[in-house]
Amino acid sequence: MKIGGKEIRLFPGREPTAPLVVLHTDGEEAEKIVRLVREQTGTDFALGAVAGVDWDRDMSPWAMDPVFRGGPAYTGGAGAYRKLLVGEILPALEGEGGLRPRRRMIAGYSLAGLFALYALLEGEDFSRGASVSGSLWYPGWMDYLAGRLTGPLPERVYFSLGDREARTRNPKLQPVEENTRRSAELLARAGVETVFESNPGNHFQQPEERTARGIAWLLGAP
């Protein structure tokens, strides 16, 4: 299925009321993650994989200069993309599979982990989320989060990070661990069930396995 230039693939659960997880990744990675989660939990769930996003536009909540020399700028299209996601992609996913999910969740890795939190906090379309090695170094993120703590908040949020991710020569990326831990603490103080997990390695190690652990934790409570 293709909507708004995005490729969407549904991995249905056994029951139409099973929780639905939205994940921004390609189909091959999503297939592995679904298998890993089912092996770990045995919990019934459906997963909608969305591929073909413009990462620097669709996953960035506001515009920002490039992080890497010669790299692309971030153009801040997450708000517009979120409207597409909840207004067209989610209804199409649920309609195609005949789904009536009792809960919607969203998960993502790297910039998609940043977007997952943004999508959670911008409305009540998702009740749980996982930011796995999320790009929470993003300038302005902590101020944005602080301004959202008095509004409707999700039930559960999972955070994880590689223990070497903050050890980088790029000063723009160095706040990632402090910001991730602080985000978990602030949400917990506001009444959200949160967890922070530190994984061995850098940003590029075992992304599918890390994402599967995050989704498994989201599914771990009724």
Protein backbone atom coordinates (compact mmCIF):
# COMPACT_ATOMS: atom_id res chain seq x y z
CA MET A 1 0.00 0.00 0.00
CA LYS A 2 1.27 3.48 -0.86
CA ILE A 3 0.02 6.71 0.70
CA GLY A 4 1.55 10.16 0.30
CA GLY A 5 4.67 8.67 -1.23
CA LYS A 6 5.19 6.31 1.74
CA GLU A 7 5.24 2.53 1.46
CA ILE A 8 3.12 0.91 4.15
CA ARG A 9 3.16 -2.75 5.09
CA LEU A 10 0.91 -4.39 7.65
CA PHE A 11 1.95 -7.34 9.82
CA PRO A 12 -1.44 -8.32 11.29
CA GLY A 13 -2.01 -9.85 14.69
CA ARG A 14 -4.19 -12.85 15.45
CA GLU A 15 -7.11 -10.74 16.68
CA PRO A 16 -8.43 -7.48 15.19
CA THR A 17 -8.36 -5.84 18.64
CA ALA A 18 -4.65 -6.53 19.19
CA PRO A 19 -2.52 -3.43 19.90
CA LEU A 20 -1.17 -1.72 16.80
CA VAL A 21 2.45 -0.54 16.71
CA VAL A 22 3.55 1.97 14.06
CA LEU A 23 7.22 1.75 13.15
CA HIS A 24 9.16 3.83 10.64
CA THR A 25 11.53 1.40 8.96
CA ASP A 26 11.70 -0.68 5.82
CA GLY A 27 9.81 -3.94 5.42
CA GLU A 28 12.80 -6.26 5.80
CA GLU A 29 13.82 -4.74 9.13
CA ALA A 30 10.21 -4.70 10.29
CA GLU A 31 9.81 -8.41 9.54
CA LYS A 32 12.82 -9.22 11.74
CA ILE A 33 11.57 -6.97 14.53
CA VAL A 34 8.10 -8.57 14.49
CA ARG A 35 9.69 -12.02 14.74
CA LEU A 36 11.95 -10.97 17.62
CA VAL A 37 9.10 -9.39 19.60
CA ARG A 38 6.90 -12.43 19.16
CA GLU A 39 9.74 -14.71 20.25
CA GLN A 40 10.35 -12.57 23.35
CA THR A 41 6.78 -12.00 24.46
CA GLY A 42 4.28 -14.25 22.72
CA THR A 43 1.94 -11.24 22.91
CA ASP A 44 -0.54 -10.68 20.12
CA PHE A 45 0.03 -7.39 18.28
CA ALA A 46 -0.09 -5.88 14.80
CA LEU A 47 2.66 -3.76 13.30
CA GLY A 48 2.40 -1.16 10.57
CA ALA A 49 5.78 -0.47 8.93
CA VAL A 50 6.14 2.86 7.13
CA ALA A 51 9.02 3.24 4.68
CA GLY A 52 9.98 5.90 2.19
CA VAL A 53 9.95 8.84 4.60
CA ASP A 54 12.21 11.81 4.02
CA TRP A 55 14.11 11.50 7.29
CA ASP A 56 15.49 15.03 7.45
CA ARG A 57 12.07 16.52 6.68
CA ASP A 58 9.40 14.17 8.00
CA MET A 59 11.13 13.18 11.24
CA SER A 60 12.38 16.66 12.27
CA PRO A 61 9.99 18.70 14.45
CA TRP A 62 11.45 22.10 13.49
CA ALA A 63 14.11 23.39 11.14
CA MET A 64 17.77 23.09 12.05
CA ASP A 65 21.12 23.49 10.33
CA PRO A 66 23.08 20.38 9.29
CA VAL A 67 24.78 18.38 12.04
CA PHE A 68 27.51 17.06 9.78
CA ARG A 69 29.68 19.12 7.46
CA GLY A 70 28.22 18.92 3.99
CA GLY A 71 25.14 17.11 5.26
CA PRO A 72 21.51 18.05 4.68
CA ALA A 73 19.59 20.56 6.74
CA TYR A 74 16.62 19.47 8.81
CA THR A 75 13.53 21.15 7.45
CA GLY A 76 11.00 20.61 10.25
CA GLY A 77 8.24 18.71 8.48
CA ALA A 78 7.20 16.43 11.35
CA GLY A 79 3.99 18.35 12.03
CA ALA A 80 2.78 17.99 8.46
CA TYR A 81 3.85 14.37 8.30
CA ARG A 82 2.08 13.57 11.59
CA LYS A 83 -1.16 14.85 10.06
CA LEU A 84 -0.68 12.46 7.15
CA LEU A 85 0.11 9.61 9.53
CA VAL A 86 -2.94 9.97 11.77
CA GLY A 87 -5.31 11.30 9.11
CA GLU A 88 -4.61 8.89 6.25
CA ILE A 89 -2.03 6.19 7.02
CA LEU A 90 -3.53 4.91 10.28
CA PRO A 91 -7.10 4.70 8.92
CA ALA A 92 -5.84 2.90 5.82
CA LEU A 93 -3.82 0.42 7.88
CA GLU A 94 -6.71 -0.33 10.17
CA GLY A 95 -9.18 -0.51 7.32
CA GLU A 96 -7.05 -2.88 5.25
CA GLY A 97 -6.59 -5.29 8.13
CA GLY A 98 -10.06 -4.90 9.60
CA LEU A 99 -8.33 -3.75 12.78
CA ARG A 100 -9.97 -2.33 15.88
CA PRO A 101 -6.86 -1.94 18.03
CA ARG A 102 -7.50 -1.44 21.71
CA ARG A 103 -4.31 0.62 21.86
CA ARG A 104 -2.05 2.40 19.37
CA MET A 105 1.69 2.66 19.94
CA ILE A 106 4.57 4.20 18.01
CA ALA A 107 8.25 3.29 17.99
CA GLY A 108 11.31 4.45 16.14
CA TYR A 109 15.09 4.39 15.97
CA SER A 110 17.37 7.43 15.68
CA LEU A 111 15.46 10.36 14.08
CA ALA A 112 12.37 8.15 14.03
CA GLY A 113 12.79 7.80 17.80
CA LEU A 114 12.67 11.58 18.10
CA PHE A 115 9.57 11.63 15.91
CA ALA A 116 7.92 8.89 17.98
CA LEU A 117 8.08 11.10 21.07
CA TYR A 118 6.93 14.14 19.14
CA ALA A 119 3.96 12.20 17.73
CA LEU A 120 3.05 11.01 21.24
CA LEU A 121 3.12 14.48 22.73
CA GLU A 122 1.28 16.27 19.92
CA GLY A 123 -2.02 14.52 20.56
CA GLU A 124 -3.75 11.47 21.95
CA ASP A 125 -3.62 9.27 18.85
CA PHE A 126 -0.95 7.05 20.46
CA SER A 127 -0.90 5.96 24.10
CA ARG A 128 2.58 4.40 24.30
CA GLY A 129 5.88 4.95 22.55
CA ALA A 130 9.50 3.83 22.26
CA SER A 131 12.41 6.10 21.43
CA VAL A 132 15.30 3.77 20.66
CA SER A 133 18.64 5.55 20.29
CA GLY A 134 16.45 8.58 19.63
CA SER A 135 17.98 11.80 18.35
CA LEU A 136 17.25 13.67 21.55
CA TRP A 137 20.39 15.75 21.06
CA TYR A 138 18.13 17.78 18.77
CA PRO A 139 18.39 21.48 19.75
CA GLY A 140 15.24 22.73 21.44
CA TRP A 141 14.00 19.25 22.37
CA MET A 142 14.20 19.70 26.15
CA ASP A 143 12.38 23.04 26.02
CA TYR A 144 9.67 21.49 23.85
CA LEU A 145 9.23 18.58 26.26
CA ALA A 146 9.05 20.87 29.28
CA GLY A 147 6.25 22.79 27.60
CA ARG A 148 4.21 19.62 27.02
CA LEU A 149 4.22 18.18 30.53
CA THR A 150 0.98 19.86 31.57
CA GLY A 151 -1.05 18.51 28.64
CA PRO A 152 -2.39 15.02 27.92
CA LEU A 153 0.44 12.53 28.37
CA PRO A 154 1.00 8.93 27.23
CA GLU A 155 0.77 5.89 29.50
CA ARG A 156 4.22 4.40 28.92
CA VAL A 157 7.42 5.51 27.21
CA TYR A 158 10.54 3.45 26.63
CA PHE A 159 13.97 5.04 26.16
CA SER A 160 17.24 3.35 25.28
CA LEU A 161 20.68 4.38 24.14
CA GLY A 162 24.02 2.80 23.35
CA ASP A 163 26.54 3.47 26.11
CA ARG A 164 29.02 4.92 23.60
CA GLU A 165 26.64 7.23 21.73
CA ALA A 166 27.55 10.36 23.68
CA ARG A 167 31.28 9.70 23.17
CA THR A 168 31.53 11.57 19.91
CA ARG A 169 33.72 14.38 18.65
CA ASN A 170 30.67 16.15 17.28
CA PRO A 171 29.59 18.60 20.01
CA LYS A 172 26.05 18.78 18.64
CA LEU A 173 25.51 15.09 19.39
CA GLN A 174 27.17 14.95 22.80
CA PRO A 175 24.03 15.92 24.82
CA VAL A 176 22.17 12.81 23.65
CA GLU A 177 22.60 10.73 26.81
CA GLU A 178 21.92 13.57 29.23
CA ASN A 179 18.83 14.61 27.28
CA THR A 180 17.54 11.05 27.00
CA ARG A 181 17.90 10.35 30.70
CA ARG A 182 16.41 13.74 31.58
CA SER A 183 13.45 13.17 29.25
CA ALA A 184 12.67 9.88 30.98
CA GLU A 185 12.94 11.55 34.41
CA LEU A 186 10.67 14.46 33.51
CA LEU A 187 7.97 12.22 32.07
CA ALA A 188 8.17 9.91 35.08
CA ARG A 189 7.70 12.86 37.44
CA ALA A 190 4.64 13.84 35.41
CA GLY A 191 3.10 10.41 36.01
CA VAL A 192 4.16 8.52 32.89
CA GLU A 193 5.56 5.02 33.34
CA THR A 194 9.04 5.19 31.83
CA VAL A 195 12.20 3.14 31.60
CA PHE A 196 15.69 3.96 30.37
CA GLU A 197 17.96 1.15 29.19
CA SER A 198 21.65 1.50 28.38
CA ASN A 199 22.90 -0.93 25.74
CA PRO A 200 26.54 -1.76 24.99
CA GLY A 201 27.87 -0.15 21.84
CA ASN A 202 27.43 2.85 19.63
CA HIS A 203 24.49 4.17 17.63
CA PHE A 204 24.77 1.59 14.87
CA GLN A 205 24.87 -1.66 16.83
CA GLN A 206 21.88 -4.03 16.84
CA PRO A 207 19.15 -1.55 15.87
CA GLU A 208 16.56 -4.27 15.21
CA GLU A 209 17.26 -6.05 18.49
CA ARG A 210 17.11 -2.79 20.44
CA THR A 211 13.87 -1.79 18.75
CA ALA A 212 12.33 -5.18 19.47
CA ARG A 213 13.18 -4.84 23.17
CA GLY A 214 11.48 -1.46 23.27
CA ILE A 215 8.30 -2.74 21.63
CA ALA A 216 8.28 -5.79 23.91
CA TRP A 217 8.37 -3.47 26.94
CA LEU A 218 5.47 -1.41 25.59
CA LEU A 219 3.42 -4.58 25.19
CA GLY A 220 4.32 -5.84 28.65
CA ALA A 221 1.39 -4.28 30.53
CA PRO A 222 -2.35 -4.65 29.80
